[in-house]
Amino acid sequence: MRKTAVLTLTTLLFALPGVTAEVRPEVRAKAAGILDALKKIEAERHRPAAAPRSSTFTEAEFNAYVVCRLDAENEPFVKAAEFKLLADDRIEGRITIDLGDRQTSGLLPKRQDLLFSAGIETRNGKIRISMDKLFLGTQPIAPAVVDVIIGLLSRLQGVEPTSLEDWYDLPPGVLRLESRPGLVVVYY
């Protein structure tokens, strides 16, 4: 499955700090607009449309959506995520990874923040991330190291390893995303 990479660095684009086992009602309320829109987009995806349509959501709504996705996917390693949406399909973010009692062979601390700056490319219902800057805690690391982290997390979850170079599916019916300062535009 490819959800590890997407949830680790995206779906990559939707969370508030402090993900817990239970999502607070105010966070669910903030995510409701995106959740409802995605249900509608999926239900209408086979209907012919004269032209692509779009919906715009705030950074806070987007981040709340990610919290709900992490909770729904029961993501065991990503404990928090927060994204800043910038102009020209650019994002910055912080993702807290906690490997718990899993054996990491000393490659990674058990709990660490991953800070990054990246571009996103979306088309035809797929998304890809292009890392520019990456820090594990306060240490800069080469973006290629993320592939090692994704591979490690994939193996710990018993799923097929993936890469940042891969294209990942957007939610059903979503054709592409566009980021603007503090906003995400969903085209369908």
N, C-alpha and C. Protein backbone atom coordinates (compact mmCIF):
# COMPACT_ATOMS: atom_id res chain seq x y z
N MET A 1 0.83 -1.18 0.00
CA MET A 1 0.00 0.00 0.00
C MET A 1 0.88 1.24 0.00
N ARG A 2 0.37 2.31 -0.57
CA ARG A 2 1.14 3.53 -0.68
C ARG A 2 0.71 4.56 0.35
N LYS A 3 -0.19 4.23 1.26
CA LYS A 3 -0.70 5.23 2.18
C LYS A 3 0.35 5.71 3.17
N THR A 4 1.37 4.91 3.48
CA THR A 4 2.39 5.34 4.43
C THR A 4 3.07 6.61 3.96
N ALA A 5 3.52 6.64 2.73
CA ALA A 5 4.21 7.82 2.20
C ALA A 5 3.26 9.00 2.13
N VAL A 6 2.06 8.76 1.67
CA VAL A 6 1.11 9.85 1.54
C VAL A 6 0.78 10.43 2.90
N LEU A 7 0.48 9.59 3.87
CA LEU A 7 0.15 10.10 5.19
C LEU A 7 1.35 10.68 5.89
N THR A 8 2.53 10.16 5.59
CA THR A 8 3.73 10.66 6.22
C THR A 8 4.09 12.03 5.71
N LEU A 9 3.84 12.32 4.47
CA LEU A 9 4.24 13.61 3.91
C LEU A 9 3.09 14.38 3.32
N THR A 10 1.97 13.95 3.27
CA THR A 10 0.81 14.60 2.76
C THR A 10 -0.37 14.38 3.59
N THR A 11 -1.03 13.27 2.14
CA THR A 11 -2.32 13.33 1.59
C THR A 11 -2.59 14.49 2.13
N LEU A 12 -0.96 14.41 2.20
CA LEU A 12 0.18 15.27 2.11
C LEU A 12 -0.19 16.68 2.25
N LEU A 13 -1.02 16.98 2.84
CA LEU A 13 -1.24 18.39 2.83
C LEU A 13 -2.41 18.76 3.69
N PHE A 14 -2.98 17.94 4.45
CA PHE A 14 -4.18 18.28 5.18
C PHE A 14 -3.92 18.03 6.69
N ALA A 15 -3.38 19.00 8.58
CA ALA A 15 -3.34 18.54 9.97
C ALA A 15 -3.03 19.60 11.00
N LEU A 16 -3.42 19.40 12.18
CA LEU A 16 -3.11 20.28 13.30
C LEU A 16 -2.15 19.58 14.23
N PRO A 17 -1.34 20.33 14.98
CA PRO A 17 -0.44 19.65 15.90
C PRO A 17 -1.21 18.91 16.98
N GLY A 18 -0.59 17.87 17.52
CA GLY A 18 -1.17 17.18 18.65
C GLY A 18 -2.19 16.13 18.29
N VAL A 19 -1.95 15.35 17.26
CA VAL A 19 -2.85 14.26 16.92
C VAL A 19 -2.93 13.31 18.11
N THR A 20 -4.12 12.96 18.50
CA THR A 20 -4.29 12.03 19.61
C THR A 20 -5.17 10.89 19.14
N ALA A 21 -5.40 9.93 20.02
CA ALA A 21 -6.23 8.79 19.67
C ALA A 21 -7.65 9.22 19.29
N GLU A 22 -8.11 10.31 19.88
CA GLU A 22 -9.43 10.81 19.56
C GLU A 22 -9.32 12.22 19.02
N VAL A 23 -9.99 12.47 17.91
CA VAL A 23 -9.99 13.79 17.31
C VAL A 23 -11.03 14.63 18.03
N ARG A 24 -10.62 15.80 18.48
CA ARG A 24 -11.52 16.69 19.21
C ARG A 24 -12.67 17.14 18.31
N PRO A 25 -13.87 17.33 18.89
CA PRO A 25 -15.04 17.73 18.09
C PRO A 25 -14.80 19.01 17.28
N GLU A 26 -14.08 19.98 17.83
CA GLU A 26 -13.84 21.23 17.10
C GLU A 26 -12.95 21.01 15.87
N VAL A 27 -12.06 20.01 15.95
CA VAL A 27 -11.22 19.68 14.79
C VAL A 27 -12.08 18.99 13.73
N ARG A 28 -12.93 18.06 14.15
CA ARG A 28 -13.84 17.40 13.19
C ARG A 28 -14.75 18.43 12.52
N ALA A 29 -15.23 19.39 13.30
CA ALA A 29 -16.10 20.43 12.74
C ALA A 29 -15.35 21.26 11.70
N LYS A 30 -14.08 21.56 11.97
CA LYS A 30 -13.28 22.33 11.04
C LYS A 30 -13.02 21.55 9.75
N ALA A 31 -12.91 20.22 9.85
CA ALA A 31 -12.65 19.36 8.69
C ALA A 31 -13.92 19.01 7.93
N ALA A 32 -15.07 19.28 8.50
CA ALA A 32 -16.35 18.83 7.92
C ALA A 32 -16.55 19.32 6.49
N GLY A 33 -16.17 20.55 6.18
CA GLY A 33 -16.34 21.07 4.83
C GLY A 33 -15.59 20.25 3.79
N ILE A 34 -14.34 19.89 4.10
CA ILE A 34 -13.56 19.09 3.17
C ILE A 34 -14.11 17.67 3.09
N LEU A 35 -14.43 17.08 4.24
CA LEU A 35 -14.96 15.72 4.25
C LEU A 35 -16.25 15.63 3.45
N ASP A 36 -17.14 16.61 3.64
CA ASP A 36 -18.41 16.62 2.89
C ASP A 36 -18.16 16.83 1.40
N ALA A 37 -17.25 17.74 1.07
CA ALA A 37 -16.94 18.00 -0.34
C ALA A 37 -16.37 16.76 -1.02
N LEU A 38 -15.47 16.04 -0.34
CA LEU A 38 -14.87 14.84 -0.92
C LEU A 38 -15.91 13.75 -1.15
N LYS A 39 -16.88 13.62 -0.23
CA LYS A 39 -17.96 12.65 -0.44
C LYS A 39 -18.78 13.02 -1.67
N LYS A 40 -19.09 14.30 -1.81
CA LYS A 40 -19.86 14.78 -2.96
C LYS A 40 -19.08 14.59 -4.25
N ILE A 41 -17.80 14.93 -4.24
CA ILE A 41 -16.95 14.78 -5.43
C ILE A 41 -16.89 13.32 -5.85
N GLU A 42 -16.72 12.42 -4.89
CA GLU A 42 -16.67 10.99 -5.21
C GLU A 42 -17.99 10.51 -5.79
N ALA A 43 -19.09 10.94 -5.19
CA ALA A 43 -20.41 10.51 -5.66
C ALA A 43 -20.71 11.02 -7.07
N GLU A 44 -20.19 12.20 -7.42
CA GLU A 44 -20.48 12.81 -8.71
C GLU A 44 -19.37 12.61 -9.74
N ARG A 45 -18.36 11.84 -9.42
CA ARG A 45 -17.18 11.76 -10.30
C ARG A 45 -17.46 11.18 -11.68
N HIS A 46 -18.51 10.40 -11.82
CA HIS A 46 -18.80 9.80 -13.12
C HIS A 46 -19.79 10.61 -13.94
N ARG A 47 -20.30 11.68 -13.35
CA ARG A 47 -21.22 12.55 -14.08
C ARG A 47 -20.42 13.47 -15.00
N PRO A 48 -20.85 13.64 -16.22
CA PRO A 48 -20.13 14.55 -17.11
C PRO A 48 -20.29 15.99 -16.64
N ALA A 49 -19.20 16.72 -16.69
CA ALA A 49 -19.24 18.13 -16.31
C ALA A 49 -18.78 18.96 -17.50
N ALA A 50 -19.37 20.11 -17.67
CA ALA A 50 -19.02 20.99 -18.78
C ALA A 50 -17.58 21.48 -18.65
N ALA A 51 -17.19 21.77 -17.45
CA ALA A 51 -15.84 22.27 -17.19
C ALA A 51 -15.41 21.81 -15.80
N PRO A 52 -14.11 21.71 -15.59
CA PRO A 52 -13.66 21.35 -14.23
C PRO A 52 -14.20 22.35 -13.21
N ARG A 53 -14.54 21.83 -12.07
CA ARG A 53 -15.03 22.67 -10.97
C ARG A 53 -13.98 22.70 -9.88
N SER A 54 -14.13 23.61 -8.95
CA SER A 54 -13.16 23.69 -7.85
C SER A 54 -13.85 24.14 -6.57
N SER A 55 -13.21 23.78 -5.48
CA SER A 55 -13.61 24.24 -4.15
C SER A 55 -12.33 24.68 -3.44
N THR A 56 -12.43 25.74 -2.66
CA THR A 56 -11.27 26.28 -1.96
C THR A 56 -11.47 26.11 -0.46
N PHE A 57 -10.39 25.69 0.21
CA PHE A 57 -10.43 25.46 1.65
C PHE A 57 -9.24 26.16 2.30
N THR A 58 -9.43 26.52 3.56
CA THR A 58 -8.36 27.21 4.29
C THR A 58 -7.32 26.21 4.80
N GLU A 59 -6.18 26.75 5.15
CA GLU A 59 -5.11 25.95 5.73
C GLU A 59 -5.59 25.24 7.00
N ALA A 60 -6.38 25.93 7.82
CA ALA A 60 -6.90 25.32 9.05
C ALA A 60 -7.82 24.14 8.73
N GLU A 61 -8.68 24.29 7.73
CA GLU A 61 -9.55 23.19 7.32
C GLU A 61 -8.73 22.02 6.79
N PHE A 62 -7.74 22.34 5.98
CA PHE A 62 -6.86 21.33 5.41
C PHE A 62 -6.13 20.54 6.50
N ASN A 63 -5.57 21.26 7.46
CA ASN A 63 -4.85 20.62 8.56
C ASN A 63 -5.79 19.77 9.42
N ALA A 64 -6.99 20.23 9.64
CA ALA A 64 -7.97 19.45 10.40
C ALA A 64 -8.34 18.17 9.64
N TYR A 65 -8.45 18.28 8.32
CA TYR A 65 -8.73 17.11 7.50
C TYR A 65 -7.63 16.05 7.68
N VAL A 66 -6.37 16.47 7.70
CA VAL A 66 -5.27 15.52 7.86
C VAL A 66 -5.36 14.81 9.21
N VAL A 67 -5.70 15.55 10.24
CA VAL A 67 -5.87 14.93 11.57
C VAL A 67 -6.93 13.84 11.50
N CYS A 68 -8.03 14.15 10.84
CA CYS A 68 -9.11 13.16 10.71
C CYS A 68 -8.67 11.96 9.88
N ARG A 69 -7.90 12.21 8.81
CA ARG A 69 -7.39 11.10 8.00
C ARG A 69 -6.44 10.22 8.79
N LEU A 70 -5.54 10.83 9.54
CA LEU A 70 -4.61 10.06 10.36
C LEU A 70 -5.38 9.19 11.35
N ASP A 71 -6.42 9.76 11.93
CA ASP A 71 -7.25 9.01 12.88
C ASP A 71 -7.99 7.88 12.17
N ALA A 72 -8.59 8.17 11.02
CA ALA A 72 -9.36 7.15 10.29
C ALA A 72 -8.46 6.02 9.79
N GLU A 73 -7.26 6.35 9.39
CA GLU A 73 -6.32 5.33 8.89
C GLU A 73 -5.62 4.60 10.03
N ASN A 74 -5.85 5.07 11.26
CA ASN A 74 -5.21 4.49 12.43
C ASN A 74 -3.69 4.42 12.23
N GLU A 75 -3.13 5.52 11.72
CA GLU A 75 -1.71 5.62 11.42
C GLU A 75 -0.90 5.44 12.69
N PRO A 76 -0.09 4.38 12.79
CA PRO A 76 0.62 4.10 14.04
C PRO A 76 1.87 4.94 14.28
N PHE A 77 2.48 5.51 13.24
CA PHE A 77 3.76 6.18 13.42
C PHE A 77 3.69 7.69 13.36
N VAL A 78 2.76 8.26 12.61
CA VAL A 78 2.65 9.70 12.50
C VAL A 78 1.78 10.20 13.65
N LYS A 79 2.38 10.94 14.54
CA LYS A 79 1.67 11.39 15.74
C LYS A 79 1.13 12.80 15.62
N ALA A 80 1.71 13.60 14.75
CA ALA A 80 1.23 14.96 14.53
C ALA A 80 1.73 15.42 13.17
N ALA A 81 0.97 16.32 12.58
CA ALA A 81 1.35 16.91 11.31
C ALA A 81 0.74 18.29 11.21
N GLU A 82 1.52 19.20 10.67
CA GLU A 82 1.04 20.57 10.48
C GLU A 82 1.66 21.09 9.19
N PHE A 83 0.83 21.67 8.32
CA PHE A 83 1.30 22.13 7.03
C PHE A 83 0.99 23.60 6.84
N LYS A 84 1.90 24.29 6.19
CA LYS A 84 1.71 25.68 5.78
C LYS A 84 1.58 25.66 4.27
N LEU A 85 0.47 26.18 3.77
CA LEU A 85 0.21 26.20 2.34
C LEU A 85 0.70 27.53 1.77
N LEU A 86 1.54 27.44 0.76
CA LEU A 86 2.17 28.62 0.17
C LEU A 86 1.73 28.78 -1.28
N ALA A 87 2.17 29.84 -1.91
CA ALA A 87 1.84 30.10 -3.31
C ALA A 87 2.56 29.11 -4.23
N ASP A 88 2.06 29.00 -5.43
CA ASP A 88 2.71 28.25 -6.50
C ASP A 88 2.95 26.78 -6.16
N ASP A 89 1.97 26.14 -5.56
CA ASP A 89 2.05 24.71 -5.24
C ASP A 89 3.26 24.38 -4.36
N ARG A 90 3.47 25.17 -3.35
CA ARG A 90 4.55 24.99 -2.39
C ARG A 90 3.94 24.75 -1.02
N ILE A 91 4.61 23.91 -0.23
CA ILE A 91 4.18 23.65 1.14
C ILE A 91 5.41 23.58 2.04
N GLU A 92 5.18 23.85 3.30
CA GLU A 92 6.16 23.60 4.35
C GLU A 92 5.43 22.83 5.42
N GLY A 93 6.16 22.00 6.16
CA GLY A 93 5.46 21.23 7.16
C GLY A 93 6.35 20.64 8.23
N ARG A 94 5.66 20.15 9.25
CA ARG A 94 6.29 19.43 10.35
C ARG A 94 5.46 18.19 10.60
N ILE A 95 6.14 17.05 10.59
CA ILE A 95 5.48 15.78 10.87
C ILE A 95 6.22 15.12 12.01
N THR A 96 5.52 14.75 13.06
CA THR A 96 6.13 14.06 14.19
C THR A 96 5.93 12.57 14.01
N ILE A 97 7.04 11.87 13.97
CA ILE A 97 7.04 10.42 13.81
C ILE A 97 7.44 9.80 15.13
N ASP A 98 6.68 8.81 15.57
CA ASP A 98 7.00 8.07 16.80
C ASP A 98 6.97 6.59 16.47
N LEU A 99 8.15 5.97 16.48
CA LEU A 99 8.25 4.55 16.15
C LEU A 99 7.95 3.66 17.35
N GLY A 100 7.71 4.26 18.50
CA GLY A 100 7.37 3.48 19.69
C GLY A 100 8.45 2.49 20.03
N ASP A 101 8.05 1.27 20.32
CA ASP A 101 9.00 0.24 20.72
C ASP A 101 9.55 -0.55 19.53
N ARG A 102 9.27 -0.10 18.31
CA ARG A 102 9.75 -0.82 17.13
C ARG A 102 11.27 -0.75 17.06
N GLN A 103 11.86 -1.80 16.55
CA GLN A 103 13.31 -1.85 16.39
C GLN A 103 13.69 -1.05 15.15
N THR A 104 14.57 -0.06 15.30
CA THR A 104 14.99 0.76 14.18
C THR A 104 16.47 0.60 13.88
N SER A 105 17.13 -0.31 14.55
CA SER A 105 18.55 -0.57 14.35
C SER A 105 19.39 0.69 14.49
N GLY A 106 18.94 1.62 15.30
CA GLY A 106 19.70 2.84 15.53
C GLY A 106 19.66 3.82 14.37
N LEU A 107 18.90 3.53 13.31
CA LEU A 107 18.85 4.44 12.17
C LEU A 107 18.12 5.74 12.50
N LEU A 108 17.09 5.65 13.29
CA LEU A 108 16.28 6.81 13.64
C LEU A 108 16.00 6.85 15.13
N PRO A 109 15.95 8.05 15.70
CA PRO A 109 15.44 8.13 17.07
C PRO A 109 13.99 7.65 17.06
N LYS A 110 13.53 7.16 18.17
CA LYS A 110 12.17 6.62 18.23
C LYS A 110 11.11 7.69 17.98
N ARG A 111 11.36 8.94 18.43
CA ARG A 111 10.42 10.05 18.19
C ARG A 111 11.22 11.23 17.64
N GLN A 112 10.75 11.77 16.52
CA GLN A 112 11.48 12.84 15.88
C GLN A 112 10.56 13.67 15.01
N ASP A 113 10.89 14.94 14.89
CA ASP A 113 10.16 15.81 13.97
C ASP A 113 10.85 15.85 12.63
N LEU A 114 10.07 15.76 11.59
CA LEU A 114 10.54 15.88 10.22
C LEU A 114 10.02 17.22 9.72
N LEU A 115 10.91 18.16 9.43
CA LEU A 115 10.55 19.48 8.92
C LEU A 115 10.94 19.54 7.46
N PHE A 116 10.09 20.14 6.63
CA PHE A 116 10.41 20.15 5.21
C PHE A 116 9.81 21.34 4.47
N SER A 117 10.39 21.59 3.32
CA SER A 117 9.87 22.54 2.34
C SER A 117 9.82 21.77 1.03
N ALA A 118 8.69 21.86 0.34
CA ALA A 118 8.53 21.04 -0.86
C ALA A 118 7.59 21.69 -1.86
N GLY A 119 7.70 21.24 -3.07
CA GLY A 119 6.73 21.57 -4.11
C GLY A 119 5.84 20.37 -4.30
N ILE A 120 4.63 20.61 -4.75
CA ILE A 120 3.74 19.50 -5.07
C ILE A 120 3.38 19.60 -6.54
N GLU A 121 3.22 18.48 -7.14
CA GLU A 121 2.79 18.41 -8.53
C GLU A 121 1.61 17.47 -8.57
N THR A 122 0.51 17.95 -9.13
CA THR A 122 -0.68 17.11 -9.23
C THR A 122 -1.22 17.17 -10.65
N ARG A 123 -1.74 16.02 -11.08
CA ARG A 123 -2.43 15.96 -12.38
C ARG A 123 -3.13 14.62 -12.50
N ASN A 124 -4.22 14.64 -13.21
CA ASN A 124 -4.97 13.42 -13.51
C ASN A 124 -5.24 12.56 -12.28
N GLY A 125 -5.58 13.20 -11.16
CA GLY A 125 -5.92 12.45 -9.96
C GLY A 125 -4.74 11.89 -9.19
N LYS A 126 -3.54 12.37 -9.48
CA LYS A 126 -2.33 11.88 -8.80
C LYS A 126 -1.53 13.06 -8.25
N ILE A 127 -0.68 12.76 -7.26
CA ILE A 127 0.15 13.79 -6.63
C ILE A 127 1.57 13.24 -6.44
N ARG A 128 2.54 14.16 -6.54
CA ARG A 128 3.94 13.82 -6.29
C ARG A 128 4.56 14.99 -5.54
N ILE A 129 5.47 14.66 -4.61
CA ILE A 129 6.14 15.67 -3.79
C ILE A 129 7.58 15.81 -4.24
N SER A 130 8.04 17.05 -4.32
CA SER A 130 9.43 17.32 -4.66
C SER A 130 10.07 18.08 -3.49
N MET A 131 10.84 17.38 -2.69
CA MET A 131 11.46 17.97 -1.51
C MET A 131 12.59 18.92 -1.88
N ASP A 132 12.60 20.09 -1.25
CA ASP A 132 13.69 21.05 -1.43
C ASP A 132 14.62 21.05 -0.23
N LYS A 133 14.02 21.15 0.94
CA LYS A 133 14.77 21.18 2.19
C LYS A 133 14.13 20.20 3.16
N LEU A 134 14.97 19.55 3.93
CA LEU A 134 14.47 18.54 4.86
C LEU A 134 15.36 18.52 6.10
N PHE A 135 14.72 18.48 7.26
CA PHE A 135 15.43 18.40 8.52
C PHE A 135 14.82 17.28 9.35
N LEU A 136 15.65 16.48 9.97
CA LEU A 136 15.22 15.50 10.96
C LEU A 136 15.62 16.11 12.28
N GLY A 137 14.62 16.62 13.01
CA GLY A 137 14.92 17.43 14.20
C GLY A 137 15.60 18.71 13.73
N THR A 138 16.79 18.97 14.23
CA THR A 138 17.52 20.17 13.82
C THR A 138 18.60 19.87 12.79
N GLN A 139 18.72 18.61 12.40
CA GLN A 139 19.78 18.21 11.47
C GLN A 139 19.29 18.21 10.02
N PRO A 140 19.94 18.99 9.16
CA PRO A 140 19.55 18.92 7.75
C PRO A 140 19.92 17.55 7.19
N ILE A 141 19.04 17.03 6.35
CA ILE A 141 19.32 15.74 5.70
C ILE A 141 18.95 15.85 4.23
N ALA A 142 19.56 15.02 3.44
CA ALA A 142 19.25 14.99 2.00
C ALA A 142 17.84 14.44 1.81
N PRO A 143 17.07 15.04 0.91
CA PRO A 143 15.71 14.52 0.66
C PRO A 143 15.68 13.04 0.32
N ALA A 144 16.74 12.50 -0.26
CA ALA A 144 16.76 11.07 -0.58
C ALA A 144 16.63 10.21 0.68
N VAL A 145 16.98 10.77 1.83
CA VAL A 145 16.87 10.03 3.09
C VAL A 145 15.40 9.74 3.42
N VAL A 146 14.50 10.59 2.92
CA VAL A 146 13.08 10.35 3.17
C VAL A 146 12.67 9.00 2.59
N ASP A 147 13.22 8.66 1.44
CA ASP A 147 12.91 7.35 0.87
C ASP A 147 13.33 6.23 1.80
N VAL A 148 14.46 6.41 2.49
CA VAL A 148 14.90 5.41 3.46
C VAL A 148 13.90 5.34 4.62
N ILE A 149 13.45 6.50 5.09
CA ILE A 149 12.49 6.55 6.20
C ILE A 149 11.18 5.89 5.77
N ILE A 150 10.71 6.24 4.57
CA ILE A 150 9.47 5.64 4.06
C ILE A 150 9.63 4.13 3.94
N GLY A 151 10.76 3.70 3.43
CA GLY A 151 11.01 2.26 3.30
C GLY A 151 11.00 1.57 4.64
N LEU A 152 11.64 2.20 5.64
CA LEU A 152 11.66 1.63 6.99
C LEU A 152 10.25 1.53 7.56
N LEU A 153 9.49 2.63 7.46
CA LEU A 153 8.12 2.61 7.98
C LEU A 153 7.26 1.60 7.23
N SER A 154 7.46 1.49 5.92
CA SER A 154 6.70 0.51 5.14
C SER A 154 6.99 -0.90 5.62
N ARG A 155 8.26 -1.21 5.81
CA ARG A 155 8.63 -2.55 6.27
C ARG A 155 8.08 -2.82 7.67
N LEU A 156 8.12 -1.81 8.55
CA LEU A 156 7.57 -1.99 9.89
C LEU A 156 6.07 -2.27 9.84
N GLN A 157 5.40 -1.71 8.83
CA GLN A 157 3.96 -1.94 8.67
C GLN A 157 3.67 -3.16 7.82
N GLY A 158 4.71 -3.75 7.24
CA GLY A 158 4.51 -4.94 6.42
C GLY A 158 3.88 -4.66 5.07
N VAL A 159 4.12 -3.46 4.53
CA VAL A 159 3.59 -3.12 3.22
C VAL A 159 4.73 -2.86 2.24
N GLU A 160 4.39 -2.81 0.95
CA GLU A 160 5.38 -2.59 -0.10
C GLU A 160 6.02 -1.21 0.06
N PRO A 161 7.37 -1.14 0.08
CA PRO A 161 8.03 0.16 0.18
C PRO A 161 7.72 1.04 -1.04
N THR A 162 7.66 2.34 -0.78
CA THR A 162 7.37 3.30 -1.83
C THR A 162 8.48 4.36 -1.85
N SER A 163 8.34 5.34 -2.71
CA SER A 163 9.33 6.39 -2.87
C SER A 163 8.64 7.73 -3.05
N LEU A 164 9.33 8.80 -2.70
CA LEU A 164 8.79 10.13 -2.96
C LEU A 164 8.65 10.39 -4.45
N GLU A 165 9.43 9.71 -5.25
CA GLU A 165 9.37 9.89 -6.69
C GLU A 165 8.09 9.31 -7.28
N ASP A 166 7.40 8.47 -6.52
CA ASP A 166 6.17 7.85 -7.00
C ASP A 166 5.04 8.88 -7.07
N TRP A 167 4.10 8.59 -7.94
CA TRP A 167 2.85 9.34 -7.98
C TRP A 167 1.86 8.60 -7.10
N TYR A 168 1.10 9.35 -6.30
CA TYR A 168 0.12 8.77 -5.39
C TYR A 168 -1.27 9.25 -5.76
N ASP A 169 -2.27 8.39 -5.52
CA ASP A 169 -3.65 8.72 -5.83
C ASP A 169 -4.17 9.79 -4.90
N LEU A 170 -4.87 10.76 -5.47
CA LEU A 170 -5.63 11.73 -4.69
C LEU A 170 -6.97 11.07 -4.35
N PRO A 171 -7.75 11.66 -3.47
CA PRO A 171 -9.07 11.09 -3.18
C PRO A 171 -9.89 10.92 -4.46
N PRO A 172 -10.76 9.91 -4.53
CA PRO A 172 -11.54 9.63 -5.74
C PRO A 172 -12.29 10.86 -6.25
N GLY A 173 -12.14 11.13 -7.53
CA GLY A 173 -12.82 12.25 -8.17
C GLY A 173 -12.01 13.54 -8.18
N VAL A 174 -11.00 13.65 -7.35
CA VAL A 174 -10.16 14.85 -7.31
C VAL A 174 -9.15 14.75 -8.45
N LEU A 175 -9.13 15.77 -9.31
CA LEU A 175 -8.23 15.78 -10.46
C LEU A 175 -6.86 16.35 -10.10
N ARG A 176 -6.88 17.45 -9.35
CA ARG A 176 -5.61 18.06 -8.95
C ARG A 176 -5.84 19.03 -7.80
N LEU A 177 -4.73 19.43 -7.18
CA LEU A 177 -4.74 20.41 -6.10
C LEU A 177 -3.88 21.59 -6.51
N GLU A 178 -4.16 22.73 -5.93
CA GLU A 178 -3.34 23.92 -6.13
C GLU A 178 -3.21 24.60 -4.78
N SER A 179 -1.98 24.97 -4.41
CA SER A 179 -1.83 25.69 -3.15
C SER A 179 -1.62 27.17 -3.41
N ARG A 180 -2.20 27.95 -2.53
CA ARG A 180 -2.06 29.41 -2.51
C ARG A 180 -1.75 29.77 -1.08
N PRO A 181 -1.28 30.97 -0.80
CA PRO A 181 -0.99 31.30 0.60
C PRO A 181 -2.20 31.06 1.51
N GLY A 182 -2.08 30.07 2.40
CA GLY A 182 -3.13 29.76 3.36
C GLY A 182 -4.33 29.04 2.79
N LEU A 183 -4.28 28.62 1.53
CA LEU A 183 -5.43 27.98 0.89
C LEU A 183 -5.02 26.79 0.06
N VAL A 184 -5.96 25.84 -0.09
CA VAL A 184 -5.80 24.75 -1.05
C VAL A 184 -7.04 24.76 -1.93
N VAL A 185 -6.81 24.67 -3.25
CA VAL A 185 -7.90 24.61 -4.21
C VAL A 185 -7.97 23.18 -4.73
N VAL A 186 -9.14 22.59 -4.63
CA VAL A 186 -9.38 21.21 -5.07
C VAL A 186 -10.15 21.27 -6.37
N TYR A 187 -9.56 20.73 -7.44
CA TYR A 187 -10.21 20.68 -8.75
C TYR A 187 -10.78 19.30 -8.98
N TYR A 188 -12.01 19.25 -9.48
CA TYR A 188 -12.68 17.98 -9.73
C TYR A 188 -13.54 18.05 -10.97
